[in-house]
C-alpha atoms as a PDB file:
ATOM      1  CA  MET A   1       0.033   0.118   0.269  1.00  0.00           C
ATOM      2  CA  ILE A   2       2.947   2.625   0.706  1.00  0.00           C
ATOM      3  CA  GLY A   3       4.696   1.181  -2.318  1.00  0.00           C
ATOM      4  CA  MET A   4       1.506   2.172  -4.560  1.00  0.00           C
ATOM      5  CA  LEU A   5       1.419   5.494  -2.697  1.00  0.00           C
ATOM      6  CA  LEU A   6       4.851   6.384  -3.230  1.00  0.00           C
ATOM      7  CA  SER A   7       4.753   5.314  -6.913  1.00  0.00           C
ATOM      8  CA  LEU A   8       1.648   7.538  -7.440  1.00  0.00           C
ATOM      9  CA  VAL A   9       3.762  10.709  -5.543  1.00  0.00           C
ATOM     10  CA  MET A  10       6.484   9.669  -7.873  1.00  0.00           C
ATOM     11  CA  ALA A  11       4.404   9.831 -10.962  1.00  0.00           C
ATOM     12  CA  MET A  12       3.082  13.400  -9.850  1.00  0.00           C
ATOM     13  CA  VAL A  13       6.316  14.980  -9.367  1.00  0.00           C
ATOM     14  CA  PRO A  14       7.271  16.949 -12.395  1.00  0.00           C
ATOM     15  CA  PHE A  15      10.306  16.381 -14.406  1.00  0.00           C
ATOM     16  CA  ALA A  16      12.791  18.898 -13.978  1.00  0.00           C
ATOM     17  CA  GLN A  17      15.365  20.688 -16.856  1.00  0.00           C
ATOM     18  CA  THR A  18      18.894  19.779 -15.399  1.00  0.00           C
ATOM     19  CA  GLN A  19      22.322  20.658 -17.103  1.00  0.00           C
ATOM     20  CA  GLY A  20      24.625  17.648 -16.820  1.00  0.00           C
ATOM     21  CA  ALA A  21      28.248  17.306 -15.549  1.00  0.00           C
ATOM     22  CA  ALA A  22      30.582  19.728 -17.110  1.00  0.00           C
ATOM     23  CA  LEU A  23      32.089  18.224 -20.287  1.00  0.00           C
ATOM     24  CA  PRO A  24      35.783  18.493 -21.271  1.00  0.00           C
ATOM     25  CA  PHE A  25      36.485  20.728 -24.498  1.00  0.00           C
ATOM     26  CA  GLU A  26      39.752  21.538 -26.133  1.00  0.00           C
ATOM     27  CA  ILE A  27      40.101  25.245 -26.520  1.00  0.00           C
ATOM     28  CA  ARG A  28      42.142  25.778 -29.534  1.00  0.00           C
ATOM     29  CA  ALA A  29      42.980  29.470 -29.466  1.00  0.00           C
ATOM     30  CA  ASN A  30      46.617  30.515 -30.357  1.00  0.00           C
ATOM     31  CA  THR A  31      48.473  31.021 -27.168  1.00  0.00           C
ATOM     32  CA  ASN A  32      49.005  34.582 -27.957  1.00  0.00           C
ATOM     33  CA  LEU A  33      45.987  35.461 -27.112  1.00  0.00           C
ATOM     34  CA  ILE A  34      46.167  34.557 -23.431  1.00  0.00           C
ATOM     35  CA  LEU A  35      46.290  38.020 -21.326  1.00  0.00           C
ATOM     36  CA  GLY A  36      47.461  35.946 -18.073  1.00  0.00           C
ATOM     37  CA  LYS A  37      45.849  34.009 -15.106  1.00  0.00           C
ATOM     38  CA  GLY A  38      43.282  35.454 -11.914  1.00  0.00           C
ATOM     39  CA  GLU A  39      45.716  35.182  -9.232  1.00  0.00           C
ATOM     40  CA  LYS A  40      42.694  34.536  -7.098  1.00  0.00           C
ATOM     41  CA  SER A  41      40.862  32.031  -9.464  1.00  0.00           C
ATOM     42  CA  GLY A  42      43.690  30.410 -11.185  1.00  0.00           C
ATOM     43  CA  GLU A  43      40.936  30.873 -14.423  1.00  0.00           C
ATOM     44  CA  THR A  44      42.666  31.646 -17.804  1.00  0.00           C
ATOM     45  CA  TYR A  45      41.807  35.334 -19.228  1.00  0.00           C
ATOM     46  CA  TYR A  46      41.869  35.417 -23.333  1.00  0.00           C
ATOM     47  CA  ASP A  47      42.085  38.737 -25.245  1.00  0.00           C
ATOM     48  CA  THR A  48      39.194  39.077 -28.088  1.00  0.00           C
ATOM     49  CA  VAL A  49      40.165  40.365 -31.313  1.00  0.00           C
ATOM     50  CA  ILE A  50      38.486  42.022 -33.631  1.00  0.00           C
ATOM     51  CA  THR A  51      38.198  39.847 -36.884  1.00  0.00           C
ATOM     52  CA  LYS A  52      35.552  37.902 -39.450  1.00  0.00           C
ATOM     53  CA  GLU A  53      38.079  34.329 -39.249  1.00  0.00           C
ATOM     54  CA  ALA A  54      36.974  31.884 -37.224  1.00  0.00           C
ATOM     55  CA  SER A  55      40.813  30.511 -36.604  1.00  0.00           C
ATOM     56  CA  LYS A  56      41.370  34.108 -35.634  1.00  0.00           C
ATOM     57  CA  GLY A  57      39.263  34.218 -32.564  1.00  0.00           C
ATOM     58  CA  VAL A  58      39.115  32.134 -28.929  1.00  0.00           C
ATOM     59  CA  LEU A  59      38.290  29.040 -31.220  1.00  0.00           C
ATOM     60  CA  VAL A  60      36.402  26.274 -29.213  1.00  0.00           C
ATOM     61  CA  LYS A  61      35.777  22.811 -29.866  1.00  0.00           C
ATOM     62  CA  LEU A  62      33.051  21.033 -28.409  1.00  0.00           C
ATOM     63  CA  PRO A  63      32.334  17.200 -27.679  1.00  0.00           C
ATOM     64  CA  TYR A  64      29.741  15.469 -29.280  1.00  0.00           C
ATOM     65  CA  THR A  65      26.715  15.427 -27.171  1.00  0.00           C
ATOM     66  CA  GLN A  66      23.159  13.348 -28.133  1.00  0.00           C
ATOM     67  CA  LYS A  67      21.206  16.872 -26.669  1.00  0.00           C
ATOM     68  CA  GLY A  68      23.146  19.826 -27.316  1.00  0.00           C
ATOM     69  CA  GLY A  69      24.750  21.547 -24.016  1.00  0.00           C
ATOM     70  CA  ARG A  70      25.103  24.653 -22.734  1.00  0.00           C
ATOM     71  CA  PHE A  71      28.304  26.952 -23.508  1.00  0.00           C
ATOM     72  CA  THR A  72      29.104  29.532 -21.345  1.00  0.00           C
ATOM     73  CA  PHE A  73      31.898  32.143 -20.985  1.00  0.00           C
ATOM     74  CA  ASP A  74      32.505  35.744 -18.949  1.00  0.00           C
ATOM     75  CA  LEU A  75      32.925  38.926 -20.847  1.00  0.00           C
ATOM     76  CA  HIS A  76      35.171  41.537 -19.417  1.00  0.00           C
ATOM     77  CA  HIS A  77      35.638  44.904 -21.436  1.00  0.00           C
ATOM     78  CA  ARG A  78      39.765  45.122 -22.082  1.00  0.00           C
ATOM     79  CA  VAL A  79      40.878  48.480 -20.985  1.00  0.00           C
ATOM     80  CA  VAL A  80      43.988  50.492 -20.826  1.00  0.00           C
ATOM     81  CA  LEU A  81      43.468  52.107 -17.508  1.00  0.00           C
ATOM     82  CA  THR A  82      46.390  54.354 -17.115  1.00  0.00           C
ATOM     83  CA  PRO A  83      46.290  57.005 -14.736  1.00  0.00           C
ATOM     84  CA  ASN A  84      45.459  59.767 -16.369  1.00  0.00           C
ATOM     85  CA  PHE A  85      42.277  58.055 -17.808  1.00  0.00           C
ATOM     86  CA  MET A  86      38.858  60.027 -18.221  1.00  0.00           C
ATOM     87  CA  GLU A  87      35.546  58.783 -17.250  1.00  0.00           C
ATOM     88  CA  GLY A  88      33.488  57.506 -19.937  1.00  0.00           C
ATOM     89  CA  GLU A  89      31.043  55.105 -20.622  1.00  0.00           C
ATOM     90  CA  ILE A  90      32.453  51.971 -22.974  1.00  0.00           C
ATOM     91  CA  THR A  91      30.485  49.671 -25.108  1.00  0.00           C
ATOM     92  CA  THR A  92      32.141  46.219 -25.901  1.00  0.00           C
ATOM     93  CA  ILE A  93      30.424  44.167 -28.526  1.00  0.00           C
ATOM     94  CA  ILE A  94      31.965  40.527 -29.121  1.00  0.00           C
ATOM     95  CA  GLU A  95      30.631  38.114 -31.828  1.00  0.00           C
ATOM     96  CA  VAL A  96      29.869  33.993 -31.225  1.00  0.00           C
ATOM     97  CA  VAL A  97      30.260  32.312 -34.648  1.00  0.00           C
ATOM     98  CA  THR A  98      30.666  28.741 -35.770  1.00  0.00           C
ATOM     99  CA  GLY A  99      33.821  26.928 -37.387  1.00  0.00           C
ATOM    100  CA  SER A 100      32.588  27.806 -40.888  1.00  0.00           C
ATOM    101  CA  GLY A 101      31.710  31.292 -39.556  1.00  0.00           C
ATOM    102  CA  THR A 102      28.403  31.823 -38.877  1.00  0.00           C
ATOM    103  CA  SER A 103      26.914  33.454 -36.298  1.00  0.00           C
ATOM    104  CA  VAL A 104      25.301  32.244 -33.242  1.00  0.00           C
ATOM    105  CA  GLY A 105      24.795  35.664 -32.116  1.00  0.00           C
ATOM    106  CA  VAL A 106      25.990  39.367 -31.207  1.00  0.00           C
ATOM    107  CA  TYR A 107      26.599  40.114 -27.099  1.00  0.00           C
ATOM    108  CA  ASN A 108      27.611  43.302 -25.703  1.00  0.00           C
ATOM    109  CA  LEU A 109      28.634  44.806 -22.167  1.00  0.00           C
ATOM    110  CA  ILE A 110      28.169  48.360 -21.510  1.00  0.00           C
ATOM    111  CA  ASP A 111      29.942  50.415 -18.426  1.00  0.00           C
ATOM    112  CA  LYS A 112      31.048  53.526 -16.979  1.00  0.00           C
ATOM    113  CA  ILE A 113      34.380  53.433 -16.227  1.00  0.00           C
ATOM    114  CA  GLY A 114      37.436  56.091 -14.742  1.00  0.00           C
ATOM    115  CA  PRO A 115      40.535  56.186 -13.307  1.00  0.00           C
ATOM    116  CA  ALA A 116      39.735  54.490  -9.864  1.00  0.00           C
ATOM    117  CA  SER A 117      37.956  51.280 -11.713  1.00  0.00           C
ATOM    118  CA  GLN A 118      39.183  48.119 -10.657  1.00  0.00           C
ATOM    119  CA  PHE A 119      38.767  44.228 -11.634  1.00  0.00           C
ATOM    120  CA  ASP A 120      37.803  41.790  -9.352  1.00  0.00           C
ATOM    121  CA  GLU A 121      40.877  40.248  -9.293  1.00  0.00           C
ATOM    122  CA  THR A 122      44.515  40.769 -10.072  1.00  0.00           C
ATOM    123  CA  ILE A 123      45.884  39.193 -13.828  1.00  0.00           C
ATOM    124  CA  ALA A 124      49.574  37.657 -13.807  1.00  0.00           C
ATOM    125  CA  LYS A 125      50.355  38.526 -17.203  1.00  0.00           C
ATOM    126  CA  VAL A 126      52.115  36.443 -19.674  1.00  0.00           C
ATOM    127  CA  SER A 127      53.374  39.585 -21.453  1.00  0.00           C
ATOM    128  CA  THR A 128      55.532  41.791 -19.532  1.00  0.00           C
ATOM    129  CA  ALA A 129      55.863  44.736 -22.038  1.00  0.00           C
ATOM    130  CA  GLU A 130      55.384  48.206 -20.721  1.00  0.00           C
ATOM    131  CA  VAL A 131      52.794  48.860 -23.488  1.00  0.00           C
ATOM    132  CA  ASP A 132      50.799  45.925 -21.484  1.00  0.00           C
ATOM    133  CA  ARG A 133      51.586  46.942 -18.195  1.00  0.00           C
ATOM    134  CA  TYR A 134      47.929  49.284 -17.875  1.00  0.00           C
ATOM    135  CA  VAL A 135      45.743  46.623 -19.889  1.00  0.00           C
ATOM    136  CA  THR A 136      43.110  45.263 -17.600  1.00  0.00           C
ATOM    137  CA  PRO A 137      39.778  43.629 -17.965  1.00  0.00           C
ATOM    138  CA  LEU A 138      37.033  45.603 -16.226  1.00  0.00           C
ATOM    139  CA  SER A 139      33.355  44.326 -15.549  1.00  0.00           C
ATOM    140  CA  ARG A 140      31.750  40.728 -15.735  1.00  0.00           C
ATOM    141  CA  LYS A 141      28.850  39.567 -17.580  1.00  0.00           C
ATOM    142  CA  THR A 142      28.351  35.649 -17.895  1.00  0.00           C
ATOM    143  CA  ILE A 143      27.113  34.808 -21.626  1.00  0.00           C
ATOM    144  CA  THR A 144      25.308  31.864 -22.683  1.00  0.00           C
ATOM    145  CA  ILE A 145      24.971  29.505 -25.575  1.00  0.00           C
ATOM    146  CA  ASN A 146      22.595  26.614 -26.134  1.00  0.00           C
ATOM    147  CA  THR A 147      24.239  24.562 -28.357  1.00  0.00           C
ATOM    148  CA  LEU A 148      22.733  21.751 -30.994  1.00  0.00           C
ATOM    149  CA  PRO A 149      23.294  17.764 -30.358  1.00  0.00           C
ATOM    150  CA  GLY A 150      26.156  16.655 -32.411  1.00  0.00           C
ATOM    151  CA  PRO A 151      29.617  17.898 -32.844  1.00  0.00           C
ATOM    152  CA  GLN A 152      30.385  21.959 -32.616  1.00  0.00           C
ATOM    153  CA  THR A 153      33.079  24.194 -32.920  1.00  0.00           C
ATOM    154  CA  LEU A 154      32.486  27.842 -31.546  1.00  0.00           C
ATOM    155  CA  SER A 155      34.782  30.852 -32.022  1.00  0.00           C
ATOM    156  CA  ILE A 156      34.301  34.006 -29.983  1.00  0.00           C
ATOM    157  CA  VAL A 157      35.441  36.785 -31.920  1.00  0.00           C
ATOM    158  CA  GLY A 158      35.646  40.892 -31.446  1.00  0.00           C
ATOM    159  CA  LYS A 159      33.447  43.339 -33.569  1.00  0.00           C
ATOM    160  CA  THR A 160      33.880  47.080 -31.976  1.00  0.00           C
ATOM    161  CA  THR A 161      34.279  48.849 -28.570  1.00  0.00           C
ATOM    162  CA  ILE A 162      32.996  52.437 -28.321  1.00  0.00           C
ATOM    163  CA  LEU A 163      34.375  54.796 -25.745  1.00  0.00           C
ATOM    164  CA  THR A 164      31.949  57.701 -24.948  1.00  0.00           C
ATOM    165  CA  ARG A 165      33.136  60.937 -22.981  1.00  0.00           C
ATOM    166  CA  GLY A 166      30.627  63.800 -23.334  1.00  0.00           C
ATOM    167  CA  SER A 167      29.212  64.346 -26.791  1.00  0.00           C
ATOM    168  CA  ALA A 168      33.004  62.605 -28.417  1.00  0.00           C
ATOM    169  CA  SER A 169      33.034  58.856 -29.508  1.00  0.00           C
ATOM    170  CA  ASN A 170      35.766  56.642 -30.031  1.00  0.00           C
ATOM    171  CA  ARG A 171      34.820  53.370 -32.127  1.00  0.00           C
ATOM    172  CA  VAL A 172      37.343  50.715 -32.939  1.00  0.00           C
ATOM    173  CA  ASP A 173      36.330  48.357 -35.616  1.00  0.00           C
ATOM    174  CA  THR A 174      39.916  48.105 -36.971  1.00  0.00           C
ATOM    175  CA  PRO A 175      40.724  43.902 -37.680  1.00  0.00           C
ATOM    176  CA  GLY A 176      43.418  42.679 -35.601  1.00  0.00           C
ATOM    177  CA  VAL A 177      42.566  44.961 -32.865  1.00  0.00           C
ATOM    178  CA  ARG A 178      42.773  43.555 -29.103  1.00  0.00           C
ATOM    179  CA  MET A 179      39.022  44.491 -27.650  1.00  0.00           C
ATOM    180  CA  ALA A 180      37.938  42.248 -25.357  1.00  0.00           C
ATOM    181  CA  THR A 181      38.644  39.806 -22.449  1.00  0.00           C
ATOM    182  CA  ILE A 182      37.066  36.396 -21.635  1.00  0.00           C
ATOM    183  CA  SER A 183      37.227  34.253 -18.648  1.00  0.00           C
ATOM    184  CA  ARG A 184      35.749  30.691 -17.268  1.00  0.00           C
ATOM    185  CA  ILE A 185      35.023  29.330 -20.028  1.00  0.00           C
ATOM    186  CA  LYS A 186      32.695  26.238 -19.659  1.00  0.00           C
ATOM    187  CA  PHE A 187      30.492  23.448 -21.311  1.00  0.00           C
ATOM    188  CA  THR A 188      27.981  21.051 -19.882  1.00  0.00           C
ATOM    189  CA  GLU A 189      26.010  18.851 -21.688  1.00  0.00           C
ATOM    190  CA  ALA A 190      21.689  19.094 -21.641  1.00  0.00           C
ATOM    191  CA  THR A 191      19.894  16.484 -19.851  1.00  0.00           C
ATOM    192  CA  THR A 192      16.090  15.927 -19.504  1.00  0.00           C
ATOM    193  CA  GLY A 193      13.978  13.481 -17.383  1.00  0.00           C
ATOM    194  CA  THR A 194      15.830  13.812 -14.268  1.00  0.00           C
ATOM    195  CA  ARG A 195      12.656  13.755 -11.518  1.00  0.00           C
ATOM    196  CA  LEU A 196      12.961  16.068  -8.513  1.00  0.00           C
ATOM    197  CA  SER A 197      13.671  14.150  -5.843  1.00  0.00           C
ATOM    198  CA  VAL A 198      11.168  13.920  -2.678  1.00  0.00           C
ATOM    199  CA  ASP A 199      12.018  13.375   0.941  1.00  0.00           C
END
């Protein structure tokens, strides 16, 4: 009797849409795109360049999935924050494309920044060149993309960055320019049909 009641209760419990465990994937970005590692998180930070070629972006080879998955990463502004930096509003626009160059989506990040702006962790940079001394990621926005079943290659490429001060705007969309930074790249396989637990 108790078993039948429990079976009836379980049948009435809705199925939850859950995400599976993190799956291994391969980052095929050129090593010269690595800005550095977060001293607190240990995460690798990659610079994103303005390009229309998937192979020149932060290229990620995802594993085969039967049900698709969820690809996520954090987007940051890439700013040369010198001591005499003047306050302004920055807009960073990137695009995610497939390995063949088909657009998956365009994403932006908009913030007001000034000379006192700080990132949430220190980056141990790869480059020790003086020109990179004041380069820093700023702000953080998590981008989420639901992927299709099967194997897939995605690339994160830059489109443009716009810095506005008062009525003046400086737009950068020159190919090859590093204009954004990304981190915390993750991929999880979609799973469905997992029942919610009943205590």
